[in-house]
Structures are given as C-alpha cells and as structure tokens.
Protein backbone atom coordinates (compact mmCIF):
# COMPACT_ATOMS: atom_id res chain seq x y z
CA MET A 1 -14.83 28.87 -6.98
CA GLN A 2 -11.54 27.99 -8.60
CA TYR A 3 -10.44 24.58 -9.44
CA SER A 4 -7.13 23.24 -10.25
CA THR A 5 -6.16 21.44 -13.50
CA PHE A 6 -5.54 18.35 -11.75
CA ALA A 7 -8.96 18.58 -9.94
CA ILE A 8 -10.91 19.05 -13.31
CA ALA A 9 -8.75 16.13 -14.87
CA LEU A 10 -9.70 13.84 -11.62
CA ALA A 11 -13.31 14.69 -12.02
CA LEU A 12 -13.40 13.77 -15.87
CA LEU A 13 -11.73 10.39 -14.94
CA PRO A 14 -13.52 6.96 -15.40
CA ALA A 15 -14.24 4.95 -12.36
CA TYR A 16 -10.45 3.49 -12.30
CA GLY A 17 -10.37 3.18 -8.52
CA LEU A 18 -11.08 6.70 -7.95
CA SER A 19 -13.20 7.00 -4.64
CA ALA A 20 -13.70 9.14 -1.59
CA PRO A 21 -11.23 8.25 1.57
CA LEU A 22 -12.92 6.23 4.27
CA GLU A 23 -12.39 7.52 7.87
CA ILE A 24 -10.60 5.07 10.42
CA PRO A 25 -11.91 5.77 13.99
CA ALA A 26 -9.49 7.01 16.64
CA GLY A 27 -8.61 4.20 19.15
CA ALA A 28 -5.51 1.84 20.10
CA PHE A 29 -4.94 -1.27 18.46
CA GLN A 30 -2.02 -4.11 18.96
CA MET A 31 0.41 -3.37 16.41
CA GLY A 32 2.91 -5.84 15.11
CA CYS A 33 3.28 -9.87 15.54
CA SER A 34 -0.17 -11.31 15.51
CA PRO A 35 -0.79 -14.17 18.21
CA ASP A 36 0.11 -17.65 17.19
CA ASP A 37 2.08 -16.43 14.10
CA PRO A 38 5.38 -18.41 13.81
CA ALA A 39 6.62 -16.03 10.88
CA CYS A 40 7.08 -12.99 12.87
CA GLU A 41 10.43 -11.25 12.45
CA ARG A 42 12.38 -9.52 15.34
CA ASP A 43 11.22 -6.05 13.93
CA GLU A 44 7.65 -6.76 14.25
CA GLY A 45 7.83 -6.66 18.05
CA PRO A 46 6.79 -9.62 20.67
CA PRO A 47 3.97 -12.25 20.07
CA GLY A 48 0.39 -10.68 20.52
CA GLY A 49 1.70 -6.93 19.35
CA ILE A 50 2.14 -3.74 21.12
CA ARG A 51 -0.33 -1.38 22.14
CA VAL A 52 -0.38 1.73 19.73
CA GLU A 53 -2.98 4.58 19.91
CA VAL A 54 -3.92 6.19 16.51
CA PRO A 55 -5.99 9.41 16.33
CA ALA A 56 -8.56 9.22 13.61
CA PHE A 57 -7.80 9.71 10.04
CA ARG A 58 -9.08 8.88 6.66
CA ILE A 59 -7.36 6.77 3.68
CA ASP A 60 -8.21 5.84 0.30
CA SER A 61 -10.32 2.85 -0.32
CA HIS A 62 -8.13 1.85 -3.25
CA GLU A 63 -4.41 1.92 -4.31
CA VAL A 64 -3.84 4.98 -6.82
CA THR A 65 -4.59 3.81 -10.20
CA VAL A 66 -2.17 4.51 -13.25
CA ALA A 67 -5.18 6.80 -14.72
CA GLU A 68 -5.10 9.03 -11.33
CA TYR A 69 -1.50 9.43 -11.54
CA ARG A 70 -1.32 10.21 -15.26
CA ALA A 71 -4.11 12.97 -14.40
CA CYS A 72 -1.52 14.31 -11.97
CA VAL A 73 1.25 14.26 -14.55
CA GLU A 74 -0.70 15.83 -17.10
CA SER A 75 -1.63 18.66 -14.88
CA GLY A 76 2.34 19.40 -14.16
CA GLN A 77 2.09 18.56 -10.47
CA CYS A 78 3.76 15.05 -10.54
CA ALA A 79 6.57 13.45 -12.16
CA ALA A 80 6.14 10.36 -14.15
CA PRO A 81 7.36 7.06 -12.75
CA LEU A 82 9.16 4.44 -14.74
CA SER A 83 6.97 3.66 -17.71
CA HIS A 84 5.85 0.29 -19.34
CA THR A 85 8.37 0.99 -22.11
CA ARG A 86 11.18 0.37 -19.54
CA ASN A 87 10.16 -2.75 -18.00
CA GLN A 88 7.39 -4.97 -18.67
CA TYR A 89 6.06 -5.14 -15.07
CA CYS A 90 5.62 -1.29 -14.67
CA ASN A 91 2.19 -0.01 -15.63
CA TYR A 92 2.43 3.82 -16.44
CA GLY A 93 2.12 3.48 -20.30
CA ALA A 94 0.92 -0.11 -20.61
CA PRO A 95 -2.03 -1.01 -22.76
CA ASP A 96 -5.18 -1.84 -20.59
CA ARG A 97 -3.63 -1.25 -17.37
CA ASP A 98 -5.16 2.42 -16.37
CA ASP A 99 -6.99 0.60 -13.61
CA HIS A 100 -4.33 -1.06 -12.23
CA PRO A 101 -1.89 0.57 -9.20
CA VAL A 102 0.41 2.58 -10.43
CA ASN A 103 3.93 1.27 -9.32
CA CYS A 104 7.44 1.52 -10.56
CA ILE A 105 7.40 4.65 -8.56
CA ASP A 106 9.94 6.46 -5.96
CA TRP A 107 8.69 7.31 -2.38
CA ALA A 108 9.03 11.15 -3.05
CA GLN A 109 6.74 10.79 -6.07
CA ALA A 110 4.15 9.34 -4.35
CA GLN A 111 4.26 11.62 -1.35
CA THR A 112 3.92 14.35 -3.89
CA PHE A 113 0.93 12.90 -5.55
CA CYS A 114 -0.63 12.80 -2.11
CA GLN A 115 0.24 16.34 -1.39
CA THR A 116 -1.72 17.38 -4.48
CA ARG A 117 -4.76 16.17 -3.04
CA GLY A 118 -4.59 17.82 0.43
CA GLY A 119 -2.94 14.34 1.94
CA ARG A 120 0.13 12.42 2.68
CA LEU A 121 1.47 8.88 2.64
CA PRO A 122 -0.06 7.02 5.72
CA TYR A 123 2.15 6.73 8.99
CA GLU A 124 2.72 3.08 9.36
CA ALA A 125 0.83 2.35 12.24
CA GLU A 126 -2.35 4.09 10.34
CA TRP A 127 -1.50 1.40 7.56
CA GLU A 128 -1.49 -1.66 9.82
CA LYS A 129 -4.53 -0.32 11.83
CA ALA A 130 -6.35 0.14 8.52
CA ALA A 131 -5.13 -3.08 7.05
CA ARG A 132 -6.42 -5.16 9.89
CA GLY A 133 -9.81 -3.77 10.06
CA GLY A 134 -10.41 -4.40 13.84
CA THR A 135 -8.83 -8.19 13.72
CA THR A 136 -5.70 -9.53 15.46
CA SER A 137 -5.07 -12.80 12.99
CA ARG A 138 -2.39 -12.76 10.78
CA TYR A 139 -4.46 -11.57 7.61
CA PRO A 140 -7.91 -9.77 8.01
CA TRP A 141 -9.89 -12.57 7.28
CA GLY A 142 -7.76 -15.21 9.25
CA GLN A 143 -4.29 -17.18 9.50
CA GLN A 144 -4.27 -18.25 5.92
CA VAL A 145 -4.17 -16.44 2.58
CA SER A 146 -4.65 -17.55 -1.30
CA CYS A 147 -5.82 -15.95 -4.27
CA ARG A 148 -9.32 -15.81 -3.14
CA GLN A 149 -8.52 -12.86 -1.04
CA ALA A 150 -5.47 -11.21 -2.43
CA ILE A 151 -3.18 -10.76 -5.66
CA LEU A 152 0.01 -12.65 -4.73
CA ASP A 153 2.17 -15.40 -5.54
CA ASP A 154 0.49 -18.33 -3.93
CA LYS A 155 2.67 -20.69 -5.44
CA VAL A 156 -0.31 -22.93 -6.82
CA THR A 157 -2.78 -20.99 -8.69
CA HIS A 158 -2.19 -20.57 -12.58
CA GLY A 159 -3.44 -18.14 -15.35
CA SER A 160 -2.59 -17.02 -18.52
CA ALA A 161 1.29 -16.67 -17.69
CA GLY A 162 1.50 -20.55 -17.81
CA GLU A 163 3.49 -22.01 -15.27
CA GLU A 164 4.15 -18.78 -13.42
CA THR A 165 2.34 -18.55 -10.22
CA ASP A 166 3.11 -14.53 -9.69
CA GLY A 167 0.15 -12.36 -9.65
CA CYS A 168 -2.32 -15.47 -9.36
CA GLY A 169 -1.13 -16.63 -12.51
CA GLU A 170 -1.18 -13.57 -14.50
CA ASP A 171 2.78 -12.32 -13.63
CA ARG A 172 1.38 -8.83 -13.10
CA THR A 173 -0.77 -6.65 -10.94
CA TRP A 174 -4.66 -6.67 -11.35
CA PRO A 175 -7.29 -4.11 -11.54
CA VAL A 176 -7.73 -2.40 -8.10
CA GLY A 177 -10.41 -3.69 -6.06
CA SER A 178 -10.41 -7.13 -7.87
CA ARG A 179 -10.88 -8.99 -4.27
CA PRO A 180 -13.16 -8.31 -1.44
CA ALA A 181 -12.79 -5.36 0.82
CA ASN A 182 -11.87 -5.56 4.52
CA ALA A 183 -14.12 -4.55 7.28
CA PHE A 184 -13.15 -0.97 6.86
CA GLY A 185 -14.12 -0.94 3.22
CA LEU A 186 -10.51 -0.72 2.12
CA TYR A 187 -9.22 -2.83 -1.00
CA ASP A 188 -6.09 -4.09 -1.73
CA MET A 189 -4.39 -3.64 1.41
CA GLN A 190 -2.91 -6.81 1.33
CA GLY A 191 -1.47 -8.00 -2.21
CA ASN A 192 -1.58 -6.54 -5.72
CA ALA A 193 1.05 -3.81 -4.91
CA GLY A 194 2.90 -2.92 -1.96
CA GLU A 195 2.41 0.32 -0.49
CA TRP A 196 4.73 3.23 0.54
CA THR A 197 4.27 4.44 3.99
CA ALA A 198 5.21 7.84 5.53
CA ASN A 199 8.09 6.44 7.79
CA TRP A 200 11.68 5.99 7.47
CA TYR A 201 12.63 2.37 8.94
CA ALA A 202 13.65 1.58 12.50
CA PRO A 203 13.89 -2.20 13.59
CA ASP A 204 12.43 -0.88 17.05
CA ALA A 205 10.18 1.61 16.07
CA LEU A 206 6.98 -0.30 17.23
CA GLY A 207 7.82 -0.27 21.12
CA ARG A 208 10.33 3.05 21.02
CA LEU A 209 8.29 5.33 18.99
CA TYR A 210 4.90 4.29 17.85
CA ALA A 211 3.79 3.10 21.42
CA GLN A 212 4.81 6.35 22.91
CA GLY A 213 2.99 8.41 20.71
CA ASP A 214 5.39 9.19 17.91
CA LEU A 215 3.79 8.04 14.89
CA SER A 216 5.97 9.91 12.29
CA GLY A 217 9.41 8.80 13.55
CA PRO A 218 12.27 8.24 13.14
CA PRO A 219 13.50 11.53 11.75
CA ALA A 220 15.83 9.63 9.23
CA SER A 221 17.07 6.37 7.94
CA ARG A 222 18.40 4.85 5.06
CA GLN A 223 15.06 2.92 3.94
CA ARG A 224 11.52 3.77 4.02
CA VAL A 225 8.80 1.24 5.38
CA VAL A 226 6.74 -0.51 2.39
CA ARG A 227 3.57 -2.38 3.57
CA GLY A 228 1.20 -4.84 2.47
CA GLY A 229 2.84 -7.55 0.30
CA SER A 230 2.41 -7.67 -3.61
CA TRP A 231 1.50 -9.45 -6.38
CA ASP A 232 5.01 -11.06 -6.95
CA GLU A 233 5.48 -12.04 -3.22
CA ASP A 234 4.75 -15.06 -0.89
CA PRO A 235 2.00 -15.28 1.56
CA PRO A 236 4.14 -14.45 4.58
CA ASN A 237 5.07 -11.00 3.20
CA LEU A 238 1.02 -10.28 3.07
CA ARG A 239 0.52 -10.75 6.69
CA SER A 240 -0.84 -7.78 8.42
CA SER A 241 2.16 -7.20 10.61
CA PHE A 242 5.09 -7.80 8.24
CA ARG A 243 7.26 -4.49 7.70
CA ASN A 244 9.17 -4.54 4.20
CA VAL A 245 11.75 -1.85 3.67
CA LYS A 246 13.37 -0.29 0.34
CA PRO A 247 15.49 3.08 -0.27
CA PRO A 248 13.15 5.61 -1.21
CA HIS A 249 14.82 6.00 -4.80
CA GLN A 250 14.65 3.54 -7.55
CA GLU A 251 17.88 4.04 -8.96
CA GLY A 252 19.29 1.10 -10.59
CA ALA A 253 16.21 -1.21 -9.26
CA ILE A 254 12.78 -1.32 -10.79
CA TYR A 255 10.26 -1.37 -8.00
CA GLY A 256 7.30 -3.05 -9.71
CA SER A 257 6.00 -4.24 -6.74
CA ILE A 258 5.45 -0.94 -5.03
CA GLY A 259 2.46 1.45 -5.34
CA PHE A 260 0.76 3.47 -2.60
CA ARG A 261 -2.60 5.04 -1.40
CA CYS A 262 -2.84 8.42 0.42
CA ALA A 263 -3.95 9.24 4.17
CA TYR A 264 -5.64 12.53 4.92
CA PRO A 265 -6.83 14.35 8.25
CA ALA A 266 -10.21 13.22 9.79
CA ASN A 267 -13.14 14.97 8.86
C-alpha cells in the first residue's frame, strides 16, 4: 500500500488536535435566528429559524492546528499562511503554538488542505447544525457565554495580557480543545478561531437556497462566510446563528481571527 508524504507526516505528529472526524447524522434542523435572541441580524432569518435538511456528513472534532498544517506545507501540498514574523497574532512559526489553530490563512489555502485529506470546507448549513449540537438556544450550552465555555473577549476575564480581555485575557488563541466539547463531541465550534466555510455569502441564503436543498450555493459572490466567532470577538459573534463574512484573500488585511476545520462524506 502506498502512503503520501503528507499522510506519513500526519501519522508522526504528536497529539496536537489531530483526531478522526465525527459523523453528524442526517436530518433537518432549525437554522438561523434562535428563539428569543434579540441580537439576530437580518441575514440570520426569522426568529425561530428556518427548517433546513442536511444529509449525513463527517467533520473534524478540532480546528486544524499549526502542526497539522505545517506537515502539509512540508509535504509540498499546501502554501504557508502568514507567519508570526509578519504579525504577532499569527500562530504559524510562533514558539509553543503547534497545538493552537492555524490562522492568518486564506480561504483557498484552507480548502486545499481539506482536499489533501479527502475532504472540503464544511457547508454553512453543515457547520451550524454541527455547532448547535441538537440545541436551539443562542449557544449550545444556553443563552449566555463566558470564558468558562469558549475562548473569546468576554470583557471581564484577565490573564497574562494585563488589562486586555481578548482571548480570555491572553490576547491570542488558545490550544485547540481548551474548553469542553459540545453534544456531538466537537471542540471550539464557538470561539478560539473563527472558521471558513465553503459558501460564498448571500444575505438571503438561508431561505432562498439552503431551505430549498441547495447547501453549496450561491455560485459566486464577493465574500465567503466565516462562522463561530473568535478569541478577539464579543459574545454576540459567538452565537450559533451569527454569520460573519470576509473576502477570501487577506491581501492587505491579516486574518488573525480565522482558522478552519474540514468536512467529509459520511461513512
């Protein structure tokens, strides 16, 4: 049996978040604005959400780590993201951050990594179903969020960064899996790094596309959808229904808040 250089490199990695994808069962869920959520924006749909049917799929239990992504770069299959020498918030090349989510990464770089694993970036509807873990509340654990549940800027938690409350007081990401998993066994779906999804952004996508069975649309736009909120974002951005958007290429910006995880066909 032949093994790729990348597969061998992954097999030799220490336990820096590398894990088998977990299967999310087929079925419908209410996508979008959670009941009794006063923070919903127009593109999150009506209160109570919209029924969206999602086929079974698998998704990584953890965000892709620096160590995992570096193995792909060293195999020649992935391009290096922006590094710590470019910006202090970029994890690639930073001391002691091999177990942190890789960030400062373009959409195409993330998609290429997933393809080397036989996967792709998750569709937005897949991502939200997985993040909710069977719940309908604003967050999978309830109506509020703090640093007990996720890595974010909760405005009150201080740590080694002094007065800075970003990253629960550390002013950076944390190692993947630093907070408890949701009911599907998935870590950091809310907070730590925001996550690229496969979809271009359309403000009416939930009702016009996803509810009609088109989970991969729209075919084109100017921005891609990013989900989950991040270490330097406020609690409302970590809501299960919140839809962030970014151009797929960083160019003059630095996406220190954005990482990713991969999705795969069901077994």
